[in-house]
Amino acid sequence: MRPINNAHIAEPGLAVVEVAAADDETVFALQELLATQCAIAAADRTIHEPGVRLRCYLDLRQQPDA
């Protein structure tokens, strides 16, 4: 995965979440759960290095898309 840079977390309320799990189903389920709580730039693919990794970007200042 690419490094997280300052632009990703430049203001209060912005966050980067990196999830590691045993399978794609688990990381996408967690991403879906996060999307119910805040605005999210969702990932559509995972990285397999050991296990499964997914990175998504959150904006806690905004409501999730309805």
PDB file of N, CA and C in Angstrom:
ATOM      1  N   MET A   1       0.831  -1.166   0.000  1.00  0.00           N
ATOM      2  CA  MET A   1       0.000   0.000   0.000  1.00  0.00           C
ATOM      3  C   MET A   1       0.884   1.240   0.000  1.00  0.00           C
ATOM      4  N   ARG A   2       0.360   2.284  -0.600  1.00  0.00           N
ATOM      5  CA  ARG A   2       1.086   3.551  -0.608  1.00  0.00           C
ATOM      6  C   ARG A   2       1.109   4.151   0.795  1.00  0.00           C
ATOM      7  N   PRO A   3       2.115   4.972   1.080  1.00  0.00           N
ATOM      8  CA  PRO A   3       2.149   5.620   2.394  1.00  0.00           C
ATOM      9  C   PRO A   3       0.979   6.589   2.572  1.00  0.00           C
ATOM     10  N   ILE A   4       0.588   6.788   3.802  1.00  0.00           N
ATOM     11  CA  ILE A   4      -0.412   7.790   4.141  1.00  0.00           C
ATOM     12  C   ILE A   4       0.323   9.116   4.246  1.00  0.00           C
ATOM     13  N   ASN A   5      -0.180  10.158   3.567  1.00  0.00           N
ATOM     14  CA  ASN A   5       0.504  11.443   3.651  1.00  0.00           C
ATOM     15  C   ASN A   5      -0.351  12.463   4.400  1.00  0.00           C
ATOM     16  N   ASN A   6       0.241  13.598   4.712  1.00  0.00           N
ATOM     17  CA  ASN A   6      -0.433  14.621   5.515  1.00  0.00           C
ATOM     18  C   ASN A   6      -1.737  15.114   4.904  1.00  0.00           C
ATOM     19  N   ALA A   7      -1.875  15.108   3.593  1.00  0.00           N
ATOM     20  CA  ALA A   7      -3.104  15.571   2.951  1.00  0.00           C
ATOM     21  C   ALA A   7      -4.300  14.692   3.341  1.00  0.00           C
ATOM     22  N   HIS A   8      -4.050  13.420   3.620  1.00  0.00           N
ATOM     23  CA  HIS A   8      -5.136  12.507   3.987  1.00  0.00           C
ATOM     24  C   HIS A   8      -5.740  12.844   5.347  1.00  0.00           C
ATOM     25  N   ILE A   9      -4.962  13.489   6.208  1.00  0.00           N
ATOM     26  CA  ILE A   9      -5.427  13.799   7.565  1.00  0.00           C
ATOM     27  C   ILE A   9      -5.143  15.257   7.917  1.00  0.00           C
ATOM     28  N   ALA A  10      -5.288  16.134   6.941  1.00  0.00           N
ATOM     29  CA  ALA A  10      -4.891  17.537   7.090  1.00  0.00           C
ATOM     30  C   ALA A  10      -5.763  18.334   8.057  1.00  0.00           C
ATOM     31  N   GLU A  11      -6.966  17.890   8.342  1.00  0.00           N
ATOM     32  CA  GLU A  11      -7.882  18.639   9.195  1.00  0.00           C
ATOM     33  C   GLU A  11      -8.499  17.707  10.231  1.00  0.00           C
ATOM     34  N   PRO A  12      -8.927  18.277  11.369  1.00  0.00           N
ATOM     35  CA  PRO A  12      -9.644  17.454  12.355  1.00  0.00           C
ATOM     36  C   PRO A  12     -10.890  16.833  11.725  1.00  0.00           C
ATOM     37  N   GLY A  13     -11.141  15.591  12.035  1.00  0.00           N
ATOM     38  CA  GLY A  13     -12.305  14.903  11.497  1.00  0.00           C
ATOM     39  C   GLY A  13     -12.009  14.016  10.303  1.00  0.00           C
ATOM     40  N   LEU A  14     -10.794  14.118   9.746  1.00  0.00           N
ATOM     41  CA  LEU A  14     -10.397  13.238   8.644  1.00  0.00           C
ATOM     42  C   LEU A  14      -9.594  12.081   9.222  1.00  0.00           C
ATOM     43  N   ALA A  15      -9.803  10.894   8.670  1.00  0.00           N
ATOM     44  CA  ALA A  15      -9.101   9.719   9.175  1.00  0.00           C
ATOM     45  C   ALA A  15      -8.829   8.740   8.041  1.00  0.00           C
ATOM     46  N   VAL A  16      -7.776   7.979   8.220  1.00  0.00           N
ATOM     47  CA  VAL A  16      -7.460   6.881   7.321  1.00  0.00           C
ATOM     48  C   VAL A  16      -7.563   5.607   8.149  1.00  0.00           C
ATOM     49  N   VAL A  17      -8.328   4.646   7.658  1.00  0.00           N
ATOM     50  CA  VAL A  17      -8.500   3.382   8.366  1.00  0.00           C
ATOM     51  C   VAL A  17      -7.936   2.278   7.483  1.00  0.00           C
ATOM     52  N   GLU A  18      -7.031   1.511   8.047  1.00  0.00           N
ATOM     53  CA  GLU A  18      -6.481   0.369   7.334  1.00  0.00           C
ATOM     54  C   GLU A  18      -6.912  -0.874   8.093  1.00  0.00           C
ATOM     55  N   VAL A  19      -7.556  -1.782   7.398  1.00  0.00           N
ATOM     56  CA  VAL A  19      -8.118  -2.978   8.010  1.00  0.00           C
ATOM     57  C   VAL A  19      -7.341  -4.191   7.513  1.00  0.00           C
ATOM     58  N   ALA A  20      -7.019  -5.080   8.421  1.00  0.00           N
ATOM     59  CA  ALA A  20      -6.391  -6.353   8.059  1.00  0.00           C
ATOM     60  C   ALA A  20      -7.282  -7.476   8.574  1.00  0.00           C
ATOM     61  N   ALA A  21      -7.517  -8.471   7.736  1.00  0.00           N
ATOM     62  CA  ALA A  21      -8.374  -9.596   8.114  1.00  0.00           C
ATOM     63  C   ALA A  21      -7.953 -10.836   7.332  1.00  0.00           C
ATOM     64  N   ALA A  22      -8.656 -11.906   7.563  1.00  0.00           N
ATOM     65  CA  ALA A  22      -8.339 -13.163   6.901  1.00  0.00           C
ATOM     66  C   ALA A  22      -8.938 -13.271   5.500  1.00  0.00           C
ATOM     67  N   ASP A  23      -9.994 -12.477   5.209  1.00  0.00           N
ATOM     68  CA  ASP A  23     -10.646 -12.622   3.908  1.00  0.00           C
ATOM     69  C   ASP A  23     -11.285 -11.309   3.451  1.00  0.00           C
ATOM     70  N   ASP A  24     -11.582 -11.236   2.157  1.00  0.00           N
ATOM     71  CA  ASP A  24     -12.213 -10.055   1.565  1.00  0.00           C
ATOM     72  C   ASP A  24     -13.570  -9.766   2.195  1.00  0.00           C
ATOM     73  N   GLU A  25     -14.345 -10.787   2.450  1.00  0.00           N
ATOM     74  CA  GLU A  25     -15.688 -10.609   2.996  1.00  0.00           C
ATOM     75  C   GLU A  25     -15.647  -9.820   4.305  1.00  0.00           C
ATOM     76  N   THR A  26     -14.692 -10.115   5.150  1.00  0.00           N
ATOM     77  CA  THR A  26     -14.588  -9.441   6.445  1.00  0.00           C
ATOM     78  C   THR A  26     -14.216  -7.980   6.288  1.00  0.00           C
ATOM     79  N   VAL A  27     -13.221  -7.657   5.468  1.00  0.00           N
ATOM     80  CA  VAL A  27     -12.809  -6.254   5.334  1.00  0.00           C
ATOM     81  C   VAL A  27     -13.899  -5.422   4.665  1.00  0.00           C
ATOM     82  N   PHE A  28     -14.601  -5.978   3.693  1.00  0.00           N
ATOM     83  CA  PHE A  28     -15.679  -5.223   3.054  1.00  0.00           C
ATOM     84  C   PHE A  28     -16.879  -5.053   3.998  1.00  0.00           C
ATOM     85  N   ALA A  29     -17.125  -6.023   4.865  1.00  0.00           N
ATOM     86  CA  ALA A  29     -18.203  -5.890   5.852  1.00  0.00           C
ATOM     87  C   ALA A  29     -17.878  -4.763   6.836  1.00  0.00           C
ATOM     88  N   LEU A  30     -16.638  -4.662   7.260  1.00  0.00           N
ATOM     89  CA  LEU A  30     -16.249  -3.585   8.168  1.00  0.00           C
ATOM     90  C   LEU A  30     -16.340  -2.229   7.465  1.00  0.00           C
ATOM     91  N   GLN A  31     -15.914  -2.165   6.215  1.00  0.00           N
ATOM     92  CA  GLN A  31     -16.023  -0.923   5.457  1.00  0.00           C
ATOM     93  C   GLN A  31     -17.489  -0.491   5.337  1.00  0.00           C
ATOM     94  N   GLU A  32     -18.372  -1.437   5.098  1.00  0.00           N
ATOM     95  CA  GLU A  32     -19.800  -1.134   4.996  1.00  0.00           C
ATOM     96  C   GLU A  32     -20.342  -0.604   6.327  1.00  0.00           C
ATOM     97  N   LEU A  33     -19.896  -1.178   7.420  1.00  0.00           N
ATOM     98  CA  LEU A  33     -20.305  -0.709   8.742  1.00  0.00           C
ATOM     99  C   LEU A  33     -19.829   0.726   8.978  1.00  0.00           C
ATOM    100  N   LEU A  34     -18.588   1.029   8.622  1.00  0.00           N
ATOM    101  CA  LEU A  34     -18.069   2.389   8.766  1.00  0.00           C
ATOM    102  C   LEU A  34     -18.877   3.379   7.928  1.00  0.00           C
ATOM    103  N   ALA A  35     -19.292   2.956   6.745  1.00  0.00           N
ATOM    104  CA  ALA A  35     -20.044   3.831   5.838  1.00  0.00           C
ATOM    105  C   ALA A  35     -21.416   4.210   6.386  1.00  0.00           C
ATOM    106  N   THR A  36     -21.935   3.453   7.342  1.00  0.00           N
ATOM    107  CA  THR A  36     -23.215   3.810   7.953  1.00  0.00           C
ATOM    108  C   THR A  36     -23.060   4.912   8.983  1.00  0.00           C
ATOM    109  N   GLN A  37     -21.811   5.190   9.389  1.00  0.00           N
ATOM    110  CA  GLN A  37     -21.567   6.153  10.464  1.00  0.00           C
ATOM    111  C   GLN A  37     -21.013   7.495   9.998  1.00  0.00           C
ATOM    112  N   CYS A  38     -20.340   7.519   8.853  1.00  0.00           N
ATOM    113  CA  CYS A  38     -19.714   8.764   8.388  1.00  0.00           C
ATOM    114  C   CYS A  38     -19.492   8.684   6.882  1.00  0.00           C
ATOM    115  N   ALA A  39     -19.119   9.830   6.302  1.00  0.00           N
ATOM    116  CA  ALA A  39     -18.802   9.855   4.870  1.00  0.00           C
ATOM    117  C   ALA A  39     -17.503   9.080   4.664  1.00  0.00           C
ATOM    118  N   ILE A  40     -17.439   8.314   3.597  1.00  0.00           N
ATOM    119  CA  ILE A  40     -16.292   7.436   3.372  1.00  0.00           C
ATOM    120  C   ILE A  40     -15.931   7.404   1.897  1.00  0.00           C
ATOM    121  N   ALA A  41     -14.645   7.419   1.629  1.00  0.00           N
ATOM    122  CA  ALA A  41     -14.158   7.138   0.282  1.00  0.00           C
ATOM    123  C   ALA A  41     -13.826   5.655   0.291  1.00  0.00           C
ATOM    124  N   ALA A  42     -14.755   4.877  -0.176  1.00  0.00           N
ATOM    125  CA  ALA A  42     -14.655   3.423  -0.068  1.00  0.00           C
ATOM    126  C   ALA A  42     -13.643   2.852  -1.052  1.00  0.00           C
ATOM    127  N   ALA A  43     -13.021   1.771  -0.635  1.00  0.00           N
ATOM    128  CA  ALA A  43     -12.114   1.028  -1.504  1.00  0.00           C
ATOM    129  C   ALA A  43     -12.917  -0.027  -2.253  1.00  0.00           C
ATOM    130  N   ASP A  44     -12.497  -0.339  -3.465  1.00  0.00           N
ATOM    131  CA  ASP A  44     -13.201  -1.370  -4.224  1.00  0.00           C
ATOM    132  C   ASP A  44     -12.347  -2.607  -4.443  1.00  0.00           C
ATOM    133  N   ARG A  45     -11.133  -2.579  -3.914  1.00  0.00           N
ATOM    134  CA  ARG A  45     -10.278  -3.765  -4.024  1.00  0.00           C
ATOM    135  C   ARG A  45      -9.410  -3.874  -2.786  1.00  0.00           C
ATOM    136  N   THR A  46      -8.863  -5.052  -2.598  1.00  0.00           N
ATOM    137  CA  THR A  46      -8.030  -5.313  -1.431  1.00  0.00           C
ATOM    138  C   THR A  46      -6.613  -5.647  -1.880  1.00  0.00           C
ATOM    139  N   ILE A  47      -5.722  -5.635  -0.923  1.00  0.00           N
ATOM    140  CA  ILE A  47      -4.335  -6.040  -1.136  1.00  0.00           C
ATOM    141  C   ILE A  47      -4.135  -7.331  -0.346  1.00  0.00           C
ATOM    142  N   HIS A  48      -3.519  -8.314  -0.954  1.00  0.00           N
ATOM    143  CA  HIS A  48      -3.250  -9.587  -0.273  1.00  0.00           C
ATOM    144  C   HIS A  48      -1.760  -9.661   0.039  1.00  0.00           C
ATOM    145  N   GLU A  49      -1.412  -9.381   1.305  1.00  0.00           N
ATOM    146  CA  GLU A  49      -0.010  -9.362   1.718  1.00  0.00           C
ATOM    147  C   GLU A  49       0.084  -9.574   3.197  1.00  0.00           C
ATOM    148  N   PRO A  50       0.549 -10.429   3.773  1.00  0.00           N
ATOM    149  CA  PRO A  50      -0.177 -11.584   4.272  1.00  0.00           C
ATOM    150  C   PRO A  50      -1.543 -11.186   4.806  1.00  0.00           C
ATOM    151  N   GLY A  51      -2.460 -12.046   4.591  1.00  0.00           N
ATOM    152  CA  GLY A  51      -3.836 -11.718   4.923  1.00  0.00           C
ATOM    153  C   GLY A  51      -4.409 -10.773   3.882  1.00  0.00           C
ATOM    154  N   VAL A  52      -5.488 -10.134   4.217  1.00  0.00           N
ATOM    155  CA  VAL A  52      -6.172  -9.220   3.308  1.00  0.00           C
ATOM    156  C   VAL A  52      -6.175  -7.839   3.958  1.00  0.00           C
ATOM    157  N   ARG A  53      -5.802  -6.828   3.176  1.00  0.00           N
ATOM    158  CA  ARG A  53      -5.776  -5.459   3.688  1.00  0.00           C
ATOM    159  C   ARG A  53      -6.633  -4.565   2.805  1.00  0.00           C
ATOM    160  N   LEU A  54      -7.258  -3.596   3.461  1.00  0.00           N
ATOM    161  CA  LEU A  54      -8.084  -2.620   2.768  1.00  0.00           C
ATOM    162  C   LEU A  54      -7.878  -1.278   3.469  1.00  0.00           C
ATOM    163  N   ARG A  55      -7.765  -0.215   2.693  1.00  0.00           N
ATOM    164  CA  ARG A  55      -7.623   1.129   3.258  1.00  0.00           C
ATOM    165  C   ARG A  55      -8.778   1.987   2.762  1.00  0.00           C
ATOM    166  N   CYS A  56      -9.415   2.699   3.672  1.00  0.00           N
ATOM    167  CA  CYS A  56     -10.471   3.640   3.288  1.00  0.00           C
ATOM    168  C   CYS A  56     -10.263   4.953   4.032  1.00  0.00           C
ATOM    169  N   TYR A  57     -10.832   5.998   3.474  1.00  0.00           N
ATOM    170  CA  TYR A  57     -10.666   7.346   3.988  1.00  0.00           C
ATOM    171  C   TYR A  57     -12.001   7.836   4.520  1.00  0.00           C
ATOM    172  N   LEU A  58     -12.001   8.348   5.754  1.00  0.00           N
ATOM    173  CA  LEU A  58     -13.225   8.774   6.408  1.00  0.00           C
ATOM    174  C   LEU A  58     -13.243  10.278   6.620  1.00  0.00           C
ATOM    175  N   ASP A  59     -14.428  10.849   6.540  1.00  0.00           N
ATOM    176  CA  ASP A  59     -14.639  12.237   6.904  1.00  0.00           C
ATOM    177  C   ASP A  59     -15.729  12.237   7.970  1.00  0.00           C
ATOM    178  N   LEU A  60     -15.315  12.331   9.218  1.00  0.00           N
ATOM    179  CA  LEU A  60     -16.241  12.259  10.337  1.00  0.00           C
ATOM    180  C   LEU A  60     -17.105  13.506  10.462  1.00  0.00           C
ATOM    181  N   ARG A  61     -16.779  14.544   9.717  1.00  0.00           N
ATOM    182  CA  ARG A  61     -17.530  15.805   9.772  1.00  0.00           C
ATOM    183  C   ARG A  61     -18.804  15.735   8.944  1.00  0.00           C
ATOM    184  N   GLN A  62     -18.900  14.771   8.040  1.00  0.00           N
ATOM    185  CA  GLN A  62     -20.047  14.678   7.125  1.00  0.00           C
ATOM    186  C   GLN A  62     -20.874  13.446   7.428  1.00  0.00           C
ATOM    187  N   GLN A  63     -22.145  13.548   7.154  1.00  0.00           N
ATOM    188  CA  GLN A  63     -23.055  12.412   7.294  1.00  0.00           C
ATOM    189  C   GLN A  63     -22.813  11.453   6.122  1.00  0.00           C
ATOM    190  N   PRO A  64     -23.091  10.168   6.312  1.00  0.00           N
ATOM    191  CA  PRO A  64     -22.963   9.224   5.210  1.00  0.00           C
ATOM    192  C   PRO A  64     -23.944   9.534   4.106  1.00  0.00           C
ATOM    193  N   ASP A  65     -23.596   9.140   2.875  1.00  0.00           N
ATOM    194  CA  ASP A  65     -24.511   9.300   1.734  1.00  0.00           C
ATOM    195  C   ASP A  65     -25.743   8.433   1.989  1.00  0.00           C
ATOM    196  N   ALA A  66     -26.889   8.987   1.698  1.00  0.00           N
ATOM    197  CA  ALA A  66     -28.139   8.240   1.901  1.00  0.00           C
ATOM    198  C   ALA A  66     -28.535   7.525   0.649  1.00  0.00           C
TER     199      ALA A  66
END
